[in-house]
Amino acid sequence: MGTPTQKHTKSRRDKRRFQLRLSHQQLSTCPKCGRPRLGHTACLYCGTYKGREVVDVLKRLSKKEKKARAKELAAKEPAAAK
C-alpha cells in the first residue's frame, strides 16, 4: 500500500467529509391523529399504519395513562369523522 506523497489540506479533508453529514429526517403527519411521524413507520401515538391499527398502544401504557389516552382518542374520532 502506497504512502501519501503530499499533504492534503484541511479544506480538502473537510470537503470530503462534508458528504458524511447526517441528513434531516423527513416527517409526515399521521392521517388519524395528526401528529408528526416518520415515513414508512407506524405512528407512535395511535399505532396505525396505512389506515390499519398495527400496534396496540394502550397495551403498553399504565392504567392511568391508558384511561387518558382512551379519552383522548374518543374525543378525536368524532372530529375526524366530520
PDB file of N, CA and C in Angstrom:
ATOM      1  N   MET A   1       0.841  -1.178   0.000  1.00  0.00           N
ATOM      2  CA  MET A   1       0.000   0.000   0.000  1.00  0.00           C
ATOM      3  C   MET A   1       0.885   1.241   0.000  1.00  0.00           C
ATOM      4  N   GLY A   2       0.579   2.161  -0.868  1.00  0.00           N
ATOM      5  CA  GLY A   2       1.419   3.346  -1.004  1.00  0.00           C
ATOM      6  C   GLY A   2       1.202   4.350   0.108  1.00  0.00           C
ATOM      7  N   THR A   3       2.192   5.176   0.318  1.00  0.00           N
ATOM      8  CA  THR A   3       2.081   6.239   1.307  1.00  0.00           C
ATOM      9  C   THR A   3       1.815   7.549   0.574  1.00  0.00           C
ATOM     10  N   PRO A   4       1.118   8.487   1.207  1.00  0.00           N
ATOM     11  CA  PRO A   4       0.839   9.752   0.544  1.00  0.00           C
ATOM     12  C   PRO A   4       2.118  10.561   0.355  1.00  0.00           C
ATOM     13  N   THR A   5       2.288  11.108  -0.840  1.00  0.00           N
ATOM     14  CA  THR A   5       3.497  11.881  -1.117  1.00  0.00           C
ATOM     15  C   THR A   5       3.302  13.362  -0.816  1.00  0.00           C
ATOM     16  N   GLN A   6       2.045  13.809  -0.771  1.00  0.00           N
ATOM     17  CA  GLN A   6       1.778  15.204  -0.450  1.00  0.00           C
ATOM     18  C   GLN A   6       0.692  15.285   0.609  1.00  0.00           C
ATOM     19  N   LYS A   7       0.773  16.346   1.404  1.00  0.00           N
ATOM     20  CA  LYS A   7      -0.205  16.544   2.468  1.00  0.00           C
ATOM     21  C   LYS A   7      -1.528  17.046   1.884  1.00  0.00           C
ATOM     22  N   HIS A   8      -2.631  16.490   2.370  1.00  0.00           N
ATOM     23  CA  HIS A   8      -3.947  17.009   1.989  1.00  0.00           C
ATOM     24  C   HIS A   8      -4.294  18.142   2.943  1.00  0.00           C
ATOM     25  N   THR A   9      -4.748  19.247   2.404  1.00  0.00           N
ATOM     26  CA  THR A   9      -5.059  20.405   3.227  1.00  0.00           C
ATOM     27  C   THR A   9      -6.327  20.164   4.043  1.00  0.00           C
ATOM     28  N   LYS A  10      -6.535  21.025   5.016  1.00  0.00           N
ATOM     29  CA  LYS A  10      -7.731  20.918   5.858  1.00  0.00           C
ATOM     30  C   LYS A  10      -8.996  21.130   5.043  1.00  0.00           C
ATOM     31  N   SER A  11      -8.931  22.034   4.070  1.00  0.00           N
ATOM     32  CA  SER A  11     -10.134  22.284   3.274  1.00  0.00           C
ATOM     33  C   SER A  11     -10.453  21.082   2.387  1.00  0.00           C
ATOM     34  N   ARG A  12      -9.447  20.419   1.855  1.00  0.00           N
ATOM     35  CA  ARG A  12      -9.681  19.230   1.033  1.00  0.00           C
ATOM     36  C   ARG A  12     -10.274  18.108   1.896  1.00  0.00           C
ATOM     37  N   ARG A  13      -9.727  17.959   3.102  1.00  0.00           N
ATOM     38  CA  ARG A  13     -10.245  16.958   4.038  1.00  0.00           C
ATOM     39  C   ARG A  13     -11.706  17.251   4.395  1.00  0.00           C
ATOM     40  N   ASP A  14     -12.008  18.528   4.666  1.00  0.00           N
ATOM     41  CA  ASP A  14     -13.363  18.904   5.058  1.00  0.00           C
ATOM     42  C   ASP A  14     -14.353  18.764   3.909  1.00  0.00           C
ATOM     43  N   LYS A  15     -13.905  19.029   2.680  1.00  0.00           N
ATOM     44  CA  LYS A  15     -14.778  18.840   1.519  1.00  0.00           C
ATOM     45  C   LYS A  15     -15.155  17.372   1.362  1.00  0.00           C
ATOM     46  N   ARG A  16     -14.218  16.493   1.641  1.00  0.00           N
ATOM     47  CA  ARG A  16     -14.501  15.061   1.553  1.00  0.00           C
ATOM     48  C   ARG A  16     -15.466  14.640   2.660  1.00  0.00           C
ATOM     49  N   ARG A  17     -15.249  15.119   3.858  1.00  0.00           N
ATOM     50  CA  ARG A  17     -16.082  14.723   4.999  1.00  0.00           C
ATOM     51  C   ARG A  17     -17.476  15.342   4.962  1.00  0.00           C
ATOM     52  N   PHE A  18     -17.655  16.380   4.176  1.00  0.00           N
ATOM     53  CA  PHE A  18     -18.955  17.038   4.062  1.00  0.00           C
ATOM     54  C   PHE A  18     -20.023  16.055   3.597  1.00  0.00           C
ATOM     55  N   GLN A  19     -19.645  15.085   2.782  1.00  0.00           N
ATOM     56  CA  GLN A  19     -20.593  14.103   2.258  1.00  0.00           C
ATOM     57  C   GLN A  19     -21.075  13.140   3.337  1.00  0.00           C
ATOM     58  N   LEU A  20     -20.381  13.047   4.452  1.00  0.00           N
ATOM     59  CA  LEU A  20     -20.715  12.099   5.512  1.00  0.00           C
ATOM     60  C   LEU A  20     -21.648  12.684   6.566  1.00  0.00           C
ATOM     61  N   ARG A  21     -22.168  13.869   6.324  1.00  0.00           N
ATOM     62  CA  ARG A  21     -23.019  14.529   7.316  1.00  0.00           C
ATOM     63  C   ARG A  21     -24.345  13.781   7.493  1.00  0.00           C
ATOM     64  N   LEU A  22     -25.017  14.054   8.589  1.00  0.00           N
ATOM     65  CA  LEU A  22     -26.330  13.480   8.843  1.00  0.00           C
ATOM     66  C   LEU A  22     -27.383  14.275   8.082  1.00  0.00           C
ATOM     67  N   SER A  23     -28.366  13.576   7.572  1.00  0.00           N
ATOM     68  CA  SER A  23     -29.443  14.264   6.869  1.00  0.00           C
ATOM     69  C   SER A  23     -30.627  14.453   7.813  1.00  0.00           C
ATOM     70  N   HIS A  24     -31.468  15.423   7.512  1.00  0.00           N
ATOM     71  CA  HIS A  24     -32.653  15.678   8.319  1.00  0.00           C
ATOM     72  C   HIS A  24     -33.689  14.597   8.063  1.00  0.00           C
ATOM     73  N   GLN A  25     -34.396  14.215   9.112  1.00  0.00           N
ATOM     74  CA  GLN A  25     -35.442  13.214   8.957  1.00  0.00           C
ATOM     75  C   GLN A  25     -36.688  13.869   8.377  1.00  0.00           C
ATOM     76  N   GLN A  26     -37.287  13.201   7.411  1.00  0.00           N
ATOM     77  CA  GLN A  26     -38.490  13.715   6.774  1.00  0.00           C
ATOM     78  C   GLN A  26     -39.702  13.256   7.577  1.00  0.00           C
ATOM     79  N   LEU A  27     -40.407  14.186   8.186  1.00  0.00           N
ATOM     80  CA  LEU A  27     -41.577  13.868   8.981  1.00  0.00           C
ATOM     81  C   LEU A  27     -42.840  14.123   8.172  1.00  0.00           C
ATOM     82  N   SER A  28     -43.820  13.264   8.383  1.00  0.00           N
ATOM     83  CA  SER A  28     -45.133  13.476   7.792  1.00  0.00           C
ATOM     84  C   SER A  28     -46.151  13.448   8.925  1.00  0.00           C
ATOM     85  N   THR A  29     -47.379  13.808   8.647  1.00  0.00           N
ATOM     86  CA  THR A  29     -48.394  13.800   9.692  1.00  0.00           C
ATOM     87  C   THR A  29     -49.217  12.530   9.600  1.00  0.00           C
ATOM     88  N   CYS A  30     -49.616  12.027  10.745  1.00  0.00           N
ATOM     89  CA  CYS A  30     -50.459  10.836  10.811  1.00  0.00           C
ATOM     90  C   CYS A  30     -51.869  11.231  10.370  1.00  0.00           C
ATOM     91  N   PRO A  31     -52.478  10.481   9.446  1.00  0.00           N
ATOM     92  CA  PRO A  31     -53.825  10.857   8.995  1.00  0.00           C
ATOM     93  C   PRO A  31     -54.896  10.675  10.071  1.00  0.00           C
ATOM     94  N   LYS A  32     -54.650   9.794  11.049  1.00  0.00           N
ATOM     95  CA  LYS A  32     -55.656   9.551  12.083  1.00  0.00           C
ATOM     96  C   LYS A  32     -55.576  10.572  13.214  1.00  0.00           C
ATOM     97  N   CYS A  33     -54.374  10.744  13.787  1.00  0.00           N
ATOM     98  CA  CYS A  33     -54.274  11.631  14.954  1.00  0.00           C
ATOM     99  C   CYS A  33     -53.659  12.991  14.621  1.00  0.00           C
ATOM    100  N   GLY A  34     -53.025  13.137  13.461  1.00  0.00           N
ATOM    101  CA  GLY A  34     -52.488  14.424  13.051  1.00  0.00           C
ATOM    102  C   GLY A  34     -51.150  14.789  13.662  1.00  0.00           C
ATOM    103  N   ARG A  35     -50.531  13.877  14.384  1.00  0.00           N
ATOM    104  CA  ARG A  35     -49.228  14.158  14.984  1.00  0.00           C
ATOM    105  C   ARG A  35     -48.114  13.796  14.003  1.00  0.00           C
ATOM    106  N   PRO A  36     -46.936  14.393  14.170  1.00  0.00           N
ATOM    107  CA  PRO A  36     -45.842  14.062  13.248  1.00  0.00           C
ATOM    108  C   PRO A  36     -45.316  12.649  13.481  1.00  0.00           C
ATOM    109  N   ARG A  37     -44.920  11.990  12.384  1.00  0.00           N
ATOM    110  CA  ARG A  37     -44.357  10.644  12.475  1.00  0.00           C
ATOM    111  C   ARG A  37     -43.358  10.453  11.347  1.00  0.00           C
ATOM    112  N   LEU A  38     -42.464   9.491  11.498  1.00  0.00           N
ATOM    113  CA  LEU A  38     -41.509   9.163  10.453  1.00  0.00           C
ATOM    114  C   LEU A  38     -42.217   8.443   9.320  1.00  0.00           C
ATOM    115  N   GLY A  39     -41.749   8.636   8.111  1.00  0.00           N
ATOM    116  CA  GLY A  39     -42.342   7.964   6.972  1.00  0.00           C
ATOM    117  C   GLY A  39     -42.098   6.467   7.007  1.00  0.00           C
ATOM    118  N   HIS A  40     -43.017   5.691   6.474  1.00  0.00           N
ATOM    119  CA  HIS A  40     -42.933   4.232   6.368  1.00  0.00           C
ATOM    120  C   HIS A  40     -42.812   3.550   7.727  1.00  0.00           C
ATOM    121  N   THR A  41     -43.357   4.161   8.775  1.00  0.00           N
ATOM    122  CA  THR A  41     -43.377   3.553  10.102  1.00  0.00           C
ATOM    123  C   THR A  41     -44.752   3.762  10.724  1.00  0.00           C
ATOM    124  N   ALA A  42     -45.073   2.922  11.697  1.00  0.00           N
ATOM    125  CA  ALA A  42     -46.341   3.066  12.403  1.00  0.00           C
ATOM    126  C   ALA A  42     -46.279   4.291  13.312  1.00  0.00           C
ATOM    127  N   CYS A  43     -47.407   4.923  13.516  1.00  0.00           N
ATOM    128  CA  CYS A  43     -47.495   6.094  14.387  1.00  0.00           C
ATOM    129  C   CYS A  43     -47.271   5.652  15.831  1.00  0.00           C
ATOM    130  N   LEU A  44     -46.447   6.384  16.569  1.00  0.00           N
ATOM    131  CA  LEU A  44     -46.152   6.029  17.954  1.00  0.00           C
ATOM    132  C   LEU A  44     -47.307   6.342  18.891  1.00  0.00           C
ATOM    133  N   TYR A  45     -48.187   7.254  18.499  1.00  0.00           N
ATOM    134  CA  TYR A  45     -49.246   7.701  19.390  1.00  0.00           C
ATOM    135  C   TYR A  45     -50.545   6.916  19.221  1.00  0.00           C
ATOM    136  N   CYS A  46     -50.911   6.595  17.979  1.00  0.00           N
ATOM    137  CA  CYS A  46     -52.170   5.866  17.783  1.00  0.00           C
ATOM    138  C   CYS A  46     -51.950   4.454  17.250  1.00  0.00           C
ATOM    139  N   GLY A  47     -50.737   4.108  16.805  1.00  0.00           N
ATOM    140  CA  GLY A  47     -50.416   2.749  16.394  1.00  0.00           C
ATOM    141  C   GLY A  47     -50.945   2.344  15.031  1.00  0.00           C
ATOM    142  N   THR A  48     -51.249   3.300  14.159  1.00  0.00           N
ATOM    143  CA  THR A  48     -51.786   2.953  12.845  1.00  0.00           C
ATOM    144  C   THR A  48     -50.710   3.073  11.773  1.00  0.00           C
ATOM    145  N   TYR A  49     -50.874   2.274  10.723  1.00  0.00           N
ATOM    146  CA  TYR A  49     -50.007   2.333   9.557  1.00  0.00           C
ATOM    147  C   TYR A  49     -50.851   2.012   8.336  1.00  0.00           C
ATOM    148  N   LYS A  50     -50.855   2.906   7.367  1.00  0.00           N
ATOM    149  CA  LYS A  50     -51.660   2.768   6.152  1.00  0.00           C
ATOM    150  C   LYS A  50     -53.131   2.533   6.466  1.00  0.00           C
ATOM    151  N   GLY A  51     -53.656   3.248   7.469  1.00  0.00           N
ATOM    152  CA  GLY A  51     -55.077   3.174   7.788  1.00  0.00           C
ATOM    153  C   GLY A  51     -55.493   1.999   8.653  1.00  0.00           C
ATOM    154  N   ARG A  52     -54.551   1.118   9.013  1.00  0.00           N
ATOM    155  CA  ARG A  52     -54.885  -0.031   9.860  1.00  0.00           C
ATOM    156  C   ARG A  52     -54.149   0.084  11.187  1.00  0.00           C
ATOM    157  N   GLU A  53     -54.765  -0.418  12.253  1.00  0.00           N
ATOM    158  CA  GLU A  53     -54.101  -0.411  13.554  1.00  0.00           C
ATOM    159  C   GLU A  53     -53.190  -1.624  13.627  1.00  0.00           C
ATOM    160  N   VAL A  54     -51.891  -1.381  13.714  1.00  0.00           N
ATOM    161  CA  VAL A  54     -50.921  -2.470  13.732  1.00  0.00           C
ATOM    162  C   VAL A  54     -50.265  -2.640  15.098  1.00  0.00           C
ATOM    163  N   VAL A  55     -50.311  -1.616  15.942  1.00  0.00           N
ATOM    164  CA  VAL A  55     -49.725  -1.676  17.278  1.00  0.00           C
ATOM    165  C   VAL A  55     -50.794  -1.288  18.282  1.00  0.00           C
ATOM    166  N   ASP A  56     -50.970  -2.124  19.304  1.00  0.00           N
ATOM    167  CA  ASP A  56     -51.916  -1.787  20.363  1.00  0.00           C
ATOM    168  C   ASP A  56     -51.206  -0.867  21.348  1.00  0.00           C
ATOM    169  N   VAL A  57     -51.428   0.419  21.204  1.00  0.00           N
ATOM    170  CA  VAL A  57     -50.737   1.419  22.013  1.00  0.00           C
ATOM    171  C   VAL A  57     -51.187   1.351  23.465  1.00  0.00           C
ATOM    172  N   LEU A  58     -52.454   1.079  23.688  1.00  0.00           N
ATOM    173  CA  LEU A  58     -52.977   1.054  25.054  1.00  0.00           C
ATOM    174  C   LEU A  58     -52.390  -0.097  25.859  1.00  0.00           C
ATOM    175  N   LYS A  59     -51.941  -1.145  25.209  1.00  0.00           N
ATOM    176  CA  LYS A  59     -51.387  -2.314  25.894  1.00  0.00           C
ATOM    177  C   LYS A  59     -50.091  -1.972  26.631  1.00  0.00           C
ATOM    178  N   ARG A  60     -49.310  -1.031  26.084  1.00  0.00           N
ATOM    179  CA  ARG A  60     -48.014  -0.680  26.658  1.00  0.00           C
ATOM    180  C   ARG A  60     -48.108   0.317  27.811  1.00  0.00           C
ATOM    181  N   LEU A  61     -49.255   0.948  28.009  1.00  0.00           N
ATOM    182  CA  LEU A  61     -49.377   2.037  28.971  1.00  0.00           C
ATOM    183  C   LEU A  61     -49.824   1.554  30.344  1.00  0.00           C
ATOM    184  N   SER A  62     -49.582   2.394  31.349  1.00  0.00           N
ATOM    185  CA  SER A  62     -50.082   2.102  32.686  1.00  0.00           C
ATOM    186  C   SER A  62     -51.583   2.395  32.721  1.00  0.00           C
ATOM    187  N   LYS A  63     -52.221   2.039  33.831  1.00  0.00           N
ATOM    188  CA  LYS A  63     -53.670   2.188  33.931  1.00  0.00           C
ATOM    189  C   LYS A  63     -54.100   3.652  33.793  1.00  0.00           C
ATOM    190  N   LYS A  64     -53.360   4.551  34.440  1.00  0.00           N
ATOM    191  CA  LYS A  64     -53.696   5.971  34.402  1.00  0.00           C
ATOM    192  C   LYS A  64     -53.495   6.536  32.990  1.00  0.00           C
ATOM    193  N   GLU A  65     -52.375   6.183  32.360  1.00  0.00           N
ATOM    194  CA  GLU A  65     -52.106   6.656  31.004  1.00  0.00           C
ATOM    195  C   GLU A  65     -53.100   6.071  30.012  1.00  0.00           C
ATOM    196  N   LYS A  66     -53.481   4.814  30.241  1.00  0.00           N
ATOM    197  CA  LYS A  66     -54.422   4.128  29.356  1.00  0.00           C
ATOM    198  C   LYS A  66     -55.766   4.844  29.329  1.00  0.00           C
ATOM    199  N   LYS A  67     -56.227   5.252  30.518  1.00  0.00           N
ATOM    200  CA  LYS A  67     -57.515   5.929  30.637  1.00  0.00           C
ATOM    201  C   LYS A  67     -57.471   7.284  29.926  1.00  0.00           C
ATOM    202  N   ALA A  68     -56.372   8.021  30.112  1.00  0.00           N
ATOM    203  CA  ALA A  68     -56.234   9.336  29.487  1.00  0.00           C
ATOM    204  C   ALA A  68     -56.144   9.214  27.967  1.00  0.00           C
ATOM    205  N   ARG A  69     -55.404   8.219  27.472  1.00  0.00           N
ATOM    206  CA  ARG A  69     -55.248   8.035  26.026  1.00  0.00           C
ATOM    207  C   ARG A  69     -56.554   7.603  25.379  1.00  0.00           C
ATOM    208  N   ALA A  70     -57.307   6.718  26.052  1.00  0.00           N
ATOM    209  CA  ALA A  70     -58.593   6.277  25.511  1.00  0.00           C
ATOM    210  C   ALA A  70     -59.561   7.459  25.411  1.00  0.00           C
ATOM    211  N   LYS A  71     -59.532   8.329  26.422  1.00  0.00           N
ATOM    212  CA  LYS A  71     -60.392   9.506  26.417  1.00  0.00           C
ATOM    213  C   LYS A  71     -59.996  10.452  25.279  1.00  0.00           C
ATOM    214  N   GLU A  72     -58.693  10.608  25.079  1.00  0.00           N
ATOM    215  CA  GLU A  72     -58.184  11.478  24.025  1.00  0.00           C
ATOM    216  C   GLU A  72     -58.554  10.943  22.637  1.00  0.00           C
ATOM    217  N   LEU A  73     -58.416   9.636  22.428  1.00  0.00           N
ATOM    218  CA  LEU A  73     -58.759   9.031  21.137  1.00  0.00           C
ATOM    219  C   LEU A  73     -60.256   9.116  20.867  1.00  0.00           C
ATOM    220  N   ALA A  74     -61.068   8.945  21.912  1.00  0.00           N
ATOM    221  CA  ALA A  74     -62.519   9.028  21.750  1.00  0.00           C
ATOM    222  C   ALA A  74     -62.937  10.447  21.359  1.00  0.00           C
ATOM    223  N   ALA A  75     -62.248  11.432  21.892  1.00  0.00           N
ATOM    224  CA  ALA A  75     -62.571  12.821  21.571  1.00  0.00           C
ATOM    225  C   ALA A  75     -62.151  13.173  20.140  1.00  0.00           C
ATOM    226  N   LYS A  76     -61.081  12.567  19.651  1.00  0.00           N
ATOM    227  CA  LYS A  76     -60.580  12.881  18.308  1.00  0.00           C
ATOM    228  C   LYS A  76     -61.374  12.181  17.219  1.00  0.00           C
ATOM    229  N   GLU A  77     -61.896  10.990  17.470  1.00  0.00           N
ATOM    230  CA  GLU A  77     -62.587  10.216  16.434  1.00  0.00           C
ATOM    231  C   GLU A  77     -63.827  10.921  15.885  1.00  0.00           C
ATOM    232  N   PRO A  78     -64.706  11.495  16.713  1.00  0.00           N
ATOM    233  CA  PRO A  78     -65.844  12.220  16.129  1.00  0.00           C
ATOM    234  C   PRO A  78     -65.391  13.428  15.307  1.00  0.00           C
ATOM    235  N   ALA A  79     -64.315  14.063  15.725  1.00  0.00           N
ATOM    236  CA  ALA A  79     -63.804  15.215  14.982  1.00  0.00           C
ATOM    237  C   ALA A  79     -63.245  14.773  13.635  1.00  0.00           C
ATOM    238  N   ALA A  80     -62.641  13.590  13.585  1.00  0.00           N
ATOM    239  CA  ALA A  80     -62.073  13.083  12.333  1.00  0.00           C
ATOM    240  C   ALA A  80     -63.166  12.628  11.376  1.00  0.00           C
ATOM    241  N   ALA A  81     -64.313  12.199  11.903  1.00  0.00           N
ATOM    242  CA  ALA A  81     -65.408  11.706  11.066  1.00  0.00           C
ATOM    243  C   ALA A  81     -66.132  12.847  10.345  1.00  0.00           C
ATOM    244  N   LYS A  82     -66.049  14.060  10.879  1.00  0.00           N
ATOM    245  CA  LYS A  82     -66.758  15.204  10.279  1.00  0.00           C
ATOM    246  C   LYS A  82     -66.153  15.636   8.993  1.00  0.00           C
TER     247      LYS A  82
END
